[in-house]
Amino acid sequence: MSSYFQHTLAAPARILGIGIHTGAEVSVTVKPSAPDTGIVFVRTDLPAGPQAITAVGESVCETRLGTVIGNAAGVTVSTIEHLMAVFSGLGVDNALVEIDGPEAPILDGSSALFLAGVDAVGLRRQDAPRRHILILEPVEVSGPGKRAALVPADRFEMAVEIVFDSAAIGRQTLELAVDEAAFRSELAEARTFGFLSEVDQLRAAGLGRGASLENTIVIDQDGVLNPGGLQRPDEFVRHKALDALGDLYLLGAPIIGRYEASCSGHALNNALVRALIARPEAWRYVTHAPELAQAV
């Protein structure tokens, strides 16, 4: 019955860390929020004004090395995908995310510590029906050598493929029916990754200033530099699935359908979100209980 209703946090959860690109310390406080308000980020470090940004697909304004959302006043928050994945994986419908900087903390490069922060306070059921997005027709976006699609299915599934020239990664695939248990056991701890050869270029562009072996799997030629190695041989594709989970939650509701992706990333994921929104005949909102469906 819990999936029939909306949920928010039972109490505020505070998470501290540094931004992977800014290298600056940042504090995030995730607070309970009212039904039907969705996920809203608020920049508390800025003067009074339009500090709020609603976490929806139309708010995405940049997708290079992370998902960035912004409002009409130009206020932005970057690298939100790992926290959004936690909201998706746990079924958090409504939350106010207060952040005192321009970038969410990278923590250990996965969603695990965001998950721990939310678990520490727990969730509260709300007296409002939870809507799901039921995929009725396939919607696909593509680019050179890459594609992403949402197709009909009777549950939320992910089928993700990545291909890299590096022997440390190669071709990896993951197929998964995603619910809370699968999110916790299969995706939440998968860490972000990058190549040592790209470090100088990133830092020259003002990016990657907070990256380290503590928060990023670093690949040098065909090997992994991290002393502890990988948590799983296919940690790379699991992290891509984790990113996609967060990116897709910018639709504002959980999906009943199958996400299929080959060599996708934040840009193509957001293109898919926007393509689905633009095709109202390809989806509809549903609830799981007839008595709740009547209330929508």
C-alpha atoms as a PDB file:
ATOM      1  CA  MET A   1       0.000   0.000   0.000  1.00  0.00           C
ATOM      2  CA  SER A   2       2.904   2.419   0.600  1.00  0.00           C
ATOM      3  CA  SER A   3       3.467   2.905  -3.127  1.00  0.00           C
ATOM      4  CA  TYR A   4      -0.114   4.177  -3.469  1.00  0.00           C
ATOM      5  CA  PHE A   5       0.710   7.309  -1.454  1.00  0.00           C
ATOM      6  CA  GLN A   6       3.170  10.177  -1.661  1.00  0.00           C
ATOM      7  CA  HIS A   7       6.099  10.344   0.761  1.00  0.00           C
ATOM      8  CA  THR A   8       8.404  12.966   2.188  1.00  0.00           C
ATOM      9  CA  LEU A   9      11.141  12.881   4.820  1.00  0.00           C
ATOM     10  CA  ALA A  10      10.127  12.383   8.439  1.00  0.00           C
ATOM     11  CA  ALA A  11      12.639  15.031   9.602  1.00  0.00           C
ATOM     12  CA  PRO A  12      15.428  17.170   8.102  1.00  0.00           C
ATOM     13  CA  ALA A  13      18.540  15.299   6.922  1.00  0.00           C
ATOM     14  CA  ARG A  14      21.887  17.140   6.691  1.00  0.00           C
ATOM     15  CA  ILE A  15      24.724  16.034   4.417  1.00  0.00           C
ATOM     16  CA  LEU A  16      28.151  17.702   4.188  1.00  0.00           C
ATOM     17  CA  GLY A  17      30.846  17.340   1.542  1.00  0.00           C
ATOM     18  CA  ILE A  18      32.732  19.005  -1.295  1.00  0.00           C
ATOM     19  CA  GLY A  19      31.746  19.620  -4.890  1.00  0.00           C
ATOM     20  CA  ILE A  20      33.599  17.484  -7.426  1.00  0.00           C
ATOM     21  CA  HIS A  21      33.994  20.407  -9.832  1.00  0.00           C
ATOM     22  CA  THR A  22      34.207  23.437  -7.507  1.00  0.00           C
ATOM     23  CA  GLY A  23      36.182  21.684  -4.773  1.00  0.00           C
ATOM     24  CA  ALA A  24      34.270  23.882  -2.295  1.00  0.00           C
ATOM     25  CA  GLU A  25      32.653  22.648   0.904  1.00  0.00           C
ATOM     26  CA  VAL A  26      28.889  22.540   0.739  1.00  0.00           C
ATOM     27  CA  SER A  27      26.079  21.721   3.146  1.00  0.00           C
ATOM     28  CA  VAL A  28      22.793  20.165   2.028  1.00  0.00           C
ATOM     29  CA  THR A  29      19.729  19.981   4.254  1.00  0.00           C
ATOM     30  CA  VAL A  30      16.868  17.913   2.868  1.00  0.00           C
ATOM     31  CA  LYS A  31      13.616  18.924   4.553  1.00  0.00           C
ATOM     32  CA  PRO A  32      10.077  17.529   4.544  1.00  0.00           C
ATOM     33  CA  SER A  33       7.725  19.196   2.088  1.00  0.00           C
ATOM     34  CA  ALA A  34       3.973  19.278   1.493  1.00  0.00           C
ATOM     35  CA  PRO A  35       2.154  16.905  -0.871  1.00  0.00           C
ATOM     36  CA  ASP A  36       2.248  17.715  -4.590  1.00  0.00           C
ATOM     37  CA  THR A  37       5.166  20.165  -4.231  1.00  0.00           C
ATOM     38  CA  GLY A  38       7.758  17.835  -5.775  1.00  0.00           C
ATOM     39  CA  ILE A  39      11.514  18.230  -5.345  1.00  0.00           C
ATOM     40  CA  VAL A  40      12.661  21.835  -5.000  1.00  0.00           C
ATOM     41  CA  PHE A  41      16.250  23.048  -4.546  1.00  0.00           C
ATOM     42  CA  VAL A  42      16.912  26.360  -2.756  1.00  0.00           C
ATOM     43  CA  ARG A  43      20.267  28.183  -2.797  1.00  0.00           C
ATOM     44  CA  THR A  44      20.579  29.490   0.772  1.00  0.00           C
ATOM     45  CA  ASP A  45      23.945  31.167   0.083  1.00  0.00           C
ATOM     46  CA  LEU A  46      22.376  33.785  -2.185  1.00  0.00           C
ATOM     47  CA  PRO A  47      20.653  37.031  -1.206  1.00  0.00           C
ATOM     48  CA  ALA A  48      16.903  37.019  -0.858  1.00  0.00           C
ATOM     49  CA  GLY A  49      15.272  36.597  -4.240  1.00  0.00           C
ATOM     50  CA  PRO A  50      14.512  33.819  -6.728  1.00  0.00           C
ATOM     51  CA  GLN A  51      16.597  31.136  -5.004  1.00  0.00           C
ATOM     52  CA  ALA A  52      14.258  28.190  -5.682  1.00  0.00           C
ATOM     53  CA  ILE A  53      14.627  25.769  -8.593  1.00  0.00           C
ATOM     54  CA  THR A  54      12.056  23.068  -9.245  1.00  0.00           C
ATOM     55  CA  ALA A  55      13.724  19.767 -10.165  1.00  0.00           C
ATOM     56  CA  VAL A  56      11.998  19.013 -13.471  1.00  0.00           C
ATOM     57  CA  GLY A  57      13.287  18.223 -16.935  1.00  0.00           C
ATOM     58  CA  GLU A  58      12.591  21.716 -18.262  1.00  0.00           C
ATOM     59  CA  SER A  59      14.856  23.205 -15.574  1.00  0.00           C
ATOM     60  CA  VAL A  60      17.962  21.403 -16.886  1.00  0.00           C
ATOM     61  CA  CYS A  61      20.315  24.003 -18.368  1.00  0.00           C
ATOM     62  CA  GLU A  62      23.621  22.094 -18.633  1.00  0.00           C
ATOM     63  CA  THR A  63      24.599  18.427 -18.919  1.00  0.00           C
ATOM     64  CA  ARG A  64      28.385  18.461 -19.252  1.00  0.00           C
ATOM     65  CA  LEU A  65      29.793  16.007 -16.668  1.00  0.00           C
ATOM     66  CA  GLY A  66      26.658  16.272 -14.554  1.00  0.00           C
ATOM     67  CA  THR A  67      23.072  17.482 -14.518  1.00  0.00           C
ATOM     68  CA  VAL A  68      22.593  21.194 -13.790  1.00  0.00           C
ATOM     69  CA  ILE A  69      19.213  22.792 -13.115  1.00  0.00           C
ATOM     70  CA  GLY A  70      18.468  26.504 -13.126  1.00  0.00           C
ATOM     71  CA  ASN A  71      15.663  29.041 -12.883  1.00  0.00           C
ATOM     72  CA  ALA A  72      14.719  32.068 -14.975  1.00  0.00           C
ATOM     73  CA  ALA A  73      16.926  34.324 -12.858  1.00  0.00           C
ATOM     74  CA  GLY A  74      20.029  32.281 -13.727  1.00  0.00           C
ATOM     75  CA  VAL A  75      20.356  30.601 -10.321  1.00  0.00           C
ATOM     76  CA  THR A  76      21.745  27.072 -10.748  1.00  0.00           C
ATOM     77  CA  VAL A  77      22.573  23.904  -8.820  1.00  0.00           C
ATOM     78  CA  SER A  78      24.793  21.289 -10.435  1.00  0.00           C
ATOM     79  CA  THR A  79      25.559  17.581 -10.001  1.00  0.00           C
ATOM     80  CA  ILE A  80      22.123  16.777  -8.593  1.00  0.00           C
ATOM     81  CA  GLU A  81      21.782  13.314 -10.164  1.00  0.00           C
ATOM     82  CA  HIS A  82      23.057  11.193  -7.246  1.00  0.00           C
ATOM     83  CA  LEU A  83      20.653  12.791  -4.767  1.00  0.00           C
ATOM     84  CA  MET A  84      17.806  12.608  -7.287  1.00  0.00           C
ATOM     85  CA  ALA A  85      18.550   8.893  -7.683  1.00  0.00           C
ATOM     86  CA  VAL A  86      18.000   8.437  -3.942  1.00  0.00           C
ATOM     87  CA  PHE A  87      14.655  10.227  -4.143  1.00  0.00           C
ATOM     88  CA  SER A  88      13.694   7.950  -7.030  1.00  0.00           C
ATOM     89  CA  GLY A  89      14.992   4.750  -5.446  1.00  0.00           C
ATOM     90  CA  LEU A  90      13.276   5.347  -2.104  1.00  0.00           C
ATOM     91  CA  GLY A  91      10.080   6.871  -3.482  1.00  0.00           C
ATOM     92  CA  VAL A  92      10.490  10.391  -2.092  1.00  0.00           C
ATOM     93  CA  ASP A  93       7.897  12.526  -3.876  1.00  0.00           C
ATOM     94  CA  ASN A  94       8.270  15.815  -2.040  1.00  0.00           C
ATOM     95  CA  ALA A  95      11.363  17.424  -0.512  1.00  0.00           C
ATOM     96  CA  LEU A  96      12.912  20.851  -0.025  1.00  0.00           C
ATOM     97  CA  VAL A  97      16.663  20.699  -0.646  1.00  0.00           C
ATOM     98  CA  GLU A  98      18.472  23.647   0.930  1.00  0.00           C
ATOM     99  CA  ILE A  99      22.027  23.979  -0.372  1.00  0.00           C
ATOM    100  CA  ASP A 100      24.592  26.660   0.482  1.00  0.00           C
ATOM    101  CA  GLY A 101      26.569  26.477  -2.743  1.00  0.00           C
ATOM    102  CA  PRO A 102      26.257  25.991  -6.503  1.00  0.00           C
ATOM    103  CA  GLU A 103      26.977  22.248  -6.544  1.00  0.00           C
ATOM    104  CA  ALA A 104      25.750  19.214  -4.625  1.00  0.00           C
ATOM    105  CA  PRO A 105      28.519  17.352  -2.768  1.00  0.00           C
ATOM    106  CA  ILE A 106      30.119  14.392  -4.512  1.00  0.00           C
ATOM    107  CA  LEU A 107      30.692  12.493  -1.214  1.00  0.00           C
ATOM    108  CA  ASP A 108      32.176   9.097  -2.209  1.00  0.00           C
ATOM    109  CA  GLY A 109      31.070   9.418  -5.843  1.00  0.00           C
ATOM    110  CA  SER A 110      27.932   7.327  -5.425  1.00  0.00           C
ATOM    111  CA  SER A 111      24.496   7.715  -3.827  1.00  0.00           C
ATOM    112  CA  ALA A 112      25.392   5.693  -0.725  1.00  0.00           C
ATOM    113  CA  LEU A 113      25.981   8.586   1.697  1.00  0.00           C
ATOM    114  CA  PHE A 114      22.927  10.512   0.490  1.00  0.00           C
ATOM    115  CA  LEU A 115      20.994   7.296   1.085  1.00  0.00           C
ATOM    116  CA  ALA A 116      22.443   6.974   4.594  1.00  0.00           C
ATOM    117  CA  GLY A 117      21.422  10.553   5.377  1.00  0.00           C
ATOM    118  CA  VAL A 118      17.813   9.953   4.343  1.00  0.00           C
ATOM    119  CA  ASP A 119      17.712   6.572   6.083  1.00  0.00           C
ATOM    120  CA  ALA A 120      18.835   8.230   9.333  1.00  0.00           C
ATOM    121  CA  VAL A 121      15.611  10.263   9.506  1.00  0.00           C
ATOM    122  CA  GLY A 122      13.243   7.973   7.603  1.00  0.00           C
ATOM    123  CA  LEU A 123      10.223   8.755   5.458  1.00  0.00           C
ATOM    124  CA  ARG A 124       6.678   9.822   6.260  1.00  0.00           C
ATOM    125  CA  ARG A 125       3.617   8.772   4.287  1.00  0.00           C
ATOM    126  CA  GLN A 126       1.399  11.608   3.129  1.00  0.00           C
ATOM    127  CA  ASP A 127      -2.350  11.644   2.609  1.00  0.00           C
ATOM    128  CA  ALA A 128      -2.167  12.191  -1.142  1.00  0.00           C
ATOM    129  CA  PRO A 129      -2.173   9.679  -4.005  1.00  0.00           C
ATOM    130  CA  ARG A 130       1.091   8.927  -5.766  1.00  0.00           C
ATOM    131  CA  ARG A 131       0.963   9.239  -9.541  1.00  0.00           C
ATOM    132  CA  HIS A 132       3.087   7.064 -11.822  1.00  0.00           C
ATOM    133  CA  ILE A 133       3.970   7.726 -15.449  1.00  0.00           C
ATOM    134  CA  LEU A 134       2.731   4.792 -17.522  1.00  0.00           C
ATOM    135  CA  ILE A 135       4.552   4.512 -20.851  1.00  0.00           C
ATOM    136  CA  LEU A 136       2.032   3.770 -23.621  1.00  0.00           C
ATOM    137  CA  GLU A 137       4.183   4.099 -26.746  1.00  0.00           C
ATOM    138  CA  PRO A 138       7.946   3.934 -27.369  1.00  0.00           C
ATOM    139  CA  VAL A 139       9.790   7.245 -27.240  1.00  0.00           C
ATOM    140  CA  GLU A 140      13.403   7.322 -28.434  1.00  0.00           C
ATOM    141  CA  VAL A 141      16.202   9.839 -28.870  1.00  0.00           C
ATOM    142  CA  SER A 142      19.560   9.181 -30.462  1.00  0.00           C
ATOM    143  CA  GLY A 143      22.869  10.606 -31.585  1.00  0.00           C
ATOM    144  CA  PRO A 144      26.004   9.266 -33.274  1.00  0.00           C
ATOM    145  CA  GLY A 145      26.615   5.854 -31.708  1.00  0.00           C
ATOM    146  CA  LYS A 146      24.167   6.354 -28.853  1.00  0.00           C
ATOM    147  CA  ARG A 147      20.473   6.051 -28.069  1.00  0.00           C
ATOM    148  CA  ALA A 148      18.018   6.149 -25.192  1.00  0.00           C
ATOM    149  CA  ALA A 149      14.386   5.087 -25.115  1.00  0.00           C
ATOM    150  CA  LEU A 150      11.387   4.540 -22.881  1.00  0.00           C
ATOM    151  CA  VAL A 151       9.127   1.671 -23.963  1.00  0.00           C
ATOM    152  CA  PRO A 152       6.029   0.076 -22.416  1.00  0.00           C
ATOM    153  CA  ALA A 153       6.472  -2.462 -19.594  1.00  0.00           C
ATOM    154  CA  ASP A 154       4.467  -3.516 -16.548  1.00  0.00           C
ATOM    155  CA  ARG A 155       7.134  -2.323 -14.074  1.00  0.00           C
ATOM    156  CA  PHE A 156      10.171  -0.043 -14.080  1.00  0.00           C
ATOM    157  CA  GLU A 157      13.099  -1.742 -15.793  1.00  0.00           C
ATOM    158  CA  MET A 158      16.518  -0.556 -16.943  1.00  0.00           C
ATOM    159  CA  ALA A 159      18.646  -2.020 -19.737  1.00  0.00           C
ATOM    160  CA  VAL A 160      21.912  -0.092 -19.997  1.00  0.00           C
ATOM    161  CA  GLU A 161      24.936  -0.644 -22.215  1.00  0.00           C
ATOM    162  CA  ILE A 162      28.244   1.247 -22.254  1.00  0.00           C
ATOM    163  CA  VAL A 163      31.229   0.842 -24.561  1.00  0.00           C
ATOM    164  CA  PHE A 164      34.678   2.335 -23.923  1.00  0.00           C
ATOM    165  CA  ASP A 165      37.974   1.773 -25.717  1.00  0.00           C
ATOM    166  CA  SER A 166      39.748   1.285 -22.376  1.00  0.00           C
ATOM    167  CA  ALA A 167      40.244  -2.378 -21.459  1.00  0.00           C
ATOM    168  CA  ALA A 168      39.413  -1.428 -17.868  1.00  0.00           C
ATOM    169  CA  ILE A 169      35.806  -0.893 -18.994  1.00  0.00           C
ATOM    170  CA  GLY A 170      35.214  -2.324 -22.475  1.00  0.00           C
ATOM    171  CA  ARG A 171      31.595  -3.232 -23.145  1.00  0.00           C
ATOM    172  CA  GLN A 172      29.341  -3.649 -20.105  1.00  0.00           C
ATOM    173  CA  THR A 173      25.610  -4.289 -19.895  1.00  0.00           C
ATOM    174  CA  LEU A 174      23.083  -4.269 -17.071  1.00  0.00           C
ATOM    175  CA  GLU A 175      19.448  -5.372 -17.022  1.00  0.00           C
ATOM    176  CA  LEU A 176      17.511  -4.719 -13.863  1.00  0.00           C
ATOM    177  CA  ALA A 177      13.968  -4.450 -12.578  1.00  0.00           C
ATOM    178  CA  VAL A 178      14.308  -1.426 -10.306  1.00  0.00           C
ATOM    179  CA  ASP A 179      12.515  -1.186  -6.990  1.00  0.00           C
ATOM    180  CA  GLU A 180      13.775   0.031  -3.614  1.00  0.00           C
ATOM    181  CA  ALA A 181      15.534  -3.241  -2.795  1.00  0.00           C
ATOM    182  CA  ALA A 182      17.307  -3.327  -6.169  1.00  0.00           C
ATOM    183  CA  PHE A 183      18.311   0.324  -5.842  1.00  0.00           C
ATOM    184  CA  ARG A 184      19.879  -0.336  -2.464  1.00  0.00           C
ATOM    185  CA  SER A 185      21.691  -3.536  -3.400  1.00  0.00           C
ATOM    186  CA  GLU A 186      22.552  -3.032  -7.073  1.00  0.00           C
ATOM    187  CA  LEU A 187      22.956   0.683  -7.817  1.00  0.00           C
ATOM    188  CA  ALA A 188      23.360   2.975  -4.803  1.00  0.00           C
ATOM    189  CA  GLU A 189      27.060   2.270  -4.132  1.00  0.00           C
ATOM    190  CA  ALA A 190      28.276   2.473  -7.756  1.00  0.00           C
ATOM    191  CA  ARG A 191      30.818   5.319  -7.994  1.00  0.00           C
ATOM    192  CA  THR A 192      31.499   7.888 -10.670  1.00  0.00           C
ATOM    193  CA  PHE A 193      34.571   7.414 -12.856  1.00  0.00           C
ATOM    194  CA  GLY A 194      36.970   9.355 -15.039  1.00  0.00           C
ATOM    195  CA  PHE A 195      40.237   9.119 -16.950  1.00  0.00           C
ATOM    196  CA  LEU A 196      43.570  10.416 -15.667  1.00  0.00           C
ATOM    197  CA  SER A 197      44.378  11.688 -19.162  1.00  0.00           C
ATOM    198  CA  GLU A 198      41.485  14.171 -18.914  1.00  0.00           C
ATOM    199  CA  VAL A 199      42.429  15.736 -15.564  1.00  0.00           C
ATOM    200  CA  ASP A 200      44.545  18.618 -16.899  1.00  0.00           C
ATOM    201  CA  GLN A 201      41.931  19.532 -19.499  1.00  0.00           C
ATOM    202  CA  LEU A 202      39.146  19.504 -16.908  1.00  0.00           C
ATOM    203  CA  ARG A 203      41.026  21.644 -14.426  1.00  0.00           C
ATOM    204  CA  ALA A 204      41.997  24.114 -17.142  1.00  0.00           C
ATOM    205  CA  ALA A 205      38.261  24.482 -17.753  1.00  0.00           C
ATOM    206  CA  GLY A 206      37.643  25.054 -14.033  1.00  0.00           C
ATOM    207  CA  LEU A 207      36.205  21.576 -13.498  1.00  0.00           C
ATOM    208  CA  GLY A 208      37.207  18.559 -11.439  1.00  0.00           C
ATOM    209  CA  ARG A 209      38.846  20.608  -8.675  1.00  0.00           C
ATOM    210  CA  GLY A 210      37.386  18.383  -5.973  1.00  0.00           C
ATOM    211  CA  ALA A 211      37.996  15.055  -7.713  1.00  0.00           C
ATOM    212  CA  SER A 212      40.222  12.519  -5.956  1.00  0.00           C
ATOM    213  CA  LEU A 213      40.669   8.792  -5.511  1.00  0.00           C
ATOM    214  CA  GLU A 214      38.300   9.110  -2.540  1.00  0.00           C
ATOM    215  CA  ASN A 215      35.335  10.078  -4.708  1.00  0.00           C
ATOM    216  CA  THR A 216      36.150   8.946  -8.253  1.00  0.00           C
ATOM    217  CA  ILE A 217      37.266   5.722  -9.916  1.00  0.00           C
ATOM    218  CA  VAL A 218      40.308   6.902 -11.869  1.00  0.00           C
ATOM    219  CA  ILE A 219      41.398   5.004 -14.973  1.00  0.00           C
ATOM    220  CA  ASP A 220      44.953   5.298 -16.313  1.00  0.00           C
ATOM    221  CA  GLN A 221      45.389   3.658 -19.700  1.00  0.00           C
ATOM    222  CA  ASP A 222      43.829   0.221 -19.082  1.00  0.00           C
ATOM    223  CA  GLY A 223      43.989   0.030 -15.289  1.00  0.00           C
ATOM    224  CA  VAL A 224      42.189   1.403 -12.223  1.00  0.00           C
ATOM    225  CA  LEU A 225      44.377   3.552  -9.958  1.00  0.00           C
ATOM    226  CA  ASN A 226      42.222   3.340  -6.805  1.00  0.00           C
ATOM    227  CA  PRO A 227      44.008   1.217  -4.164  1.00  0.00           C
ATOM    228  CA  GLY A 228      40.840  -0.697  -3.345  1.00  0.00           C
ATOM    229  CA  GLY A 229      39.986  -1.344  -6.985  1.00  0.00           C
ATOM    230  CA  LEU A 230      36.393  -1.802  -8.055  1.00  0.00           C
ATOM    231  CA  GLN A 231      33.502  -2.834  -5.844  1.00  0.00           C
ATOM    232  CA  ARG A 232      32.152  -4.910  -8.754  1.00  0.00           C
ATOM    233  CA  PRO A 233      33.626  -5.695 -12.181  1.00  0.00           C
ATOM    234  CA  ASP A 234      30.709  -3.854 -13.828  1.00  0.00           C
ATOM    235  CA  GLU A 235      30.647  -0.870 -11.459  1.00  0.00           C
ATOM    236  CA  PHE A 236      30.959   1.449 -14.458  1.00  0.00           C
ATOM    237  CA  VAL A 237      27.671   0.485 -16.100  1.00  0.00           C
ATOM    238  CA  ARG A 238      25.967   0.398 -12.709  1.00  0.00           C
ATOM    239  CA  HIS A 239      26.975   4.002 -12.171  1.00  0.00           C
ATOM    240  CA  LYS A 240      25.597   4.965 -15.579  1.00  0.00           C
ATOM    241  CA  ALA A 241      22.306   3.357 -14.551  1.00  0.00           C
ATOM    242  CA  LEU A 242      22.415   5.276 -11.250  1.00  0.00           C
ATOM    243  CA  ASP A 243      22.910   8.556 -13.126  1.00  0.00           C
ATOM    244  CA  ALA A 244      20.027   7.726 -15.453  1.00  0.00           C
ATOM    245  CA  LEU A 245      17.767   6.931 -12.504  1.00  0.00           C
ATOM    246  CA  GLY A 246      18.380  10.424 -11.133  1.00  0.00           C
ATOM    247  CA  ASP A 247      18.009  12.085 -14.521  1.00  0.00           C
ATOM    248  CA  LEU A 248      14.713  10.325 -15.262  1.00  0.00           C
ATOM    249  CA  TYR A 249      13.244  11.387 -11.910  1.00  0.00           C
ATOM    250  CA  LEU A 250      13.189  14.918 -13.315  1.00  0.00           C
ATOM    251  CA  LEU A 251       9.970  13.760 -14.951  1.00  0.00           C
ATOM    252  CA  GLY A 252       8.468  14.406 -11.509  1.00  0.00           C
ATOM    253  CA  ALA A 253       7.021  10.937 -10.971  1.00  0.00           C
ATOM    254  CA  PRO A 254       8.112   7.286 -11.028  1.00  0.00           C
ATOM    255  CA  ILE A 255       7.942   5.434 -14.334  1.00  0.00           C
ATOM    256  CA  ILE A 256       6.115   2.257 -15.252  1.00  0.00           C
ATOM    257  CA  GLY A 257       8.070   1.314 -18.344  1.00  0.00           C
ATOM    258  CA  ARG A 258      11.465   0.169 -19.575  1.00  0.00           C
ATOM    259  CA  TYR A 259      14.453   2.472 -19.998  1.00  0.00           C
ATOM    260  CA  GLU A 260      16.825   1.267 -22.704  1.00  0.00           C
ATOM    261  CA  ALA A 261      20.126   3.039 -23.317  1.00  0.00           C
ATOM    262  CA  SER A 262      23.322   2.484 -25.238  1.00  0.00           C
ATOM    263  CA  CYS A 263      26.231   4.861 -24.590  1.00  0.00           C
ATOM    264  CA  SER A 264      23.840   7.452 -23.181  1.00  0.00           C
ATOM    265  CA  GLY A 265      24.685  10.228 -20.719  1.00  0.00           C
ATOM    266  CA  HIS A 266      23.126  13.220 -19.000  1.00  0.00           C
ATOM    267  CA  ALA A 267      22.491  15.114 -22.251  1.00  0.00           C
ATOM    268  CA  LEU A 268      20.659  12.247 -23.961  1.00  0.00           C
ATOM    269  CA  ASN A 269      18.776  11.383 -20.772  1.00  0.00           C
ATOM    270  CA  ASN A 270      17.446  14.926 -20.567  1.00  0.00           C
ATOM    271  CA  ALA A 271      16.600  14.855 -24.268  1.00  0.00           C
ATOM    272  CA  LEU A 272      14.570  11.713 -23.565  1.00  0.00           C
ATOM    273  CA  VAL A 273      12.743  13.371 -20.669  1.00  0.00           C
ATOM    274  CA  ARG A 274      11.869  16.341 -22.852  1.00  0.00           C
ATOM    275  CA  ALA A 275      10.828  14.099 -25.760  1.00  0.00           C
ATOM    276  CA  LEU A 276       8.427  12.192 -23.517  1.00  0.00           C
ATOM    277  CA  ILE A 277       6.929  15.406 -22.130  1.00  0.00           C
ATOM    278  CA  ALA A 278       6.415  16.632 -25.695  1.00  0.00           C
ATOM    279  CA  ARG A 279       4.410  13.506 -26.615  1.00  0.00           C
ATOM    280  CA  PRO A 280       1.412  13.386 -24.254  1.00  0.00           C
ATOM    281  CA  GLU A 281      -0.130  10.567 -26.307  1.00  0.00           C
ATOM    282  CA  ALA A 282       2.824   8.318 -25.383  1.00  0.00           C
ATOM    283  CA  TRP A 283       2.117   8.256 -21.634  1.00  0.00           C
ATOM    284  CA  ARG A 284      -0.439   8.942 -18.948  1.00  0.00           C
ATOM    285  CA  TYR A 285      -0.602   9.279 -15.187  1.00  0.00           C
ATOM    286  CA  VAL A 286      -1.938   6.311 -13.215  1.00  0.00           C
ATOM    287  CA  THR A 287      -2.368   5.335  -9.595  1.00  0.00           C
ATOM    288  CA  HIS A 288      -2.204   1.784  -8.298  1.00  0.00           C
ATOM    289  CA  ALA A 289      -5.453   1.662  -6.347  1.00  0.00           C
ATOM    290  CA  PRO A 290      -8.921   2.209  -7.888  1.00  0.00           C
ATOM    291  CA  GLU A 291     -10.088   4.201  -4.869  1.00  0.00           C
ATOM    292  CA  LEU A 292      -7.106   6.531  -5.246  1.00  0.00           C
ATOM    293  CA  ALA A 293      -7.445   6.809  -9.003  1.00  0.00           C
ATOM    294  CA  GLN A 294     -10.900   8.305  -8.454  1.00  0.00           C
ATOM    295  CA  ALA A 295      -9.340  11.060  -6.346  1.00  0.00           C
ATOM    296  CA  VAL A 296      -6.912  12.249  -9.053  1.00  0.00           C
END
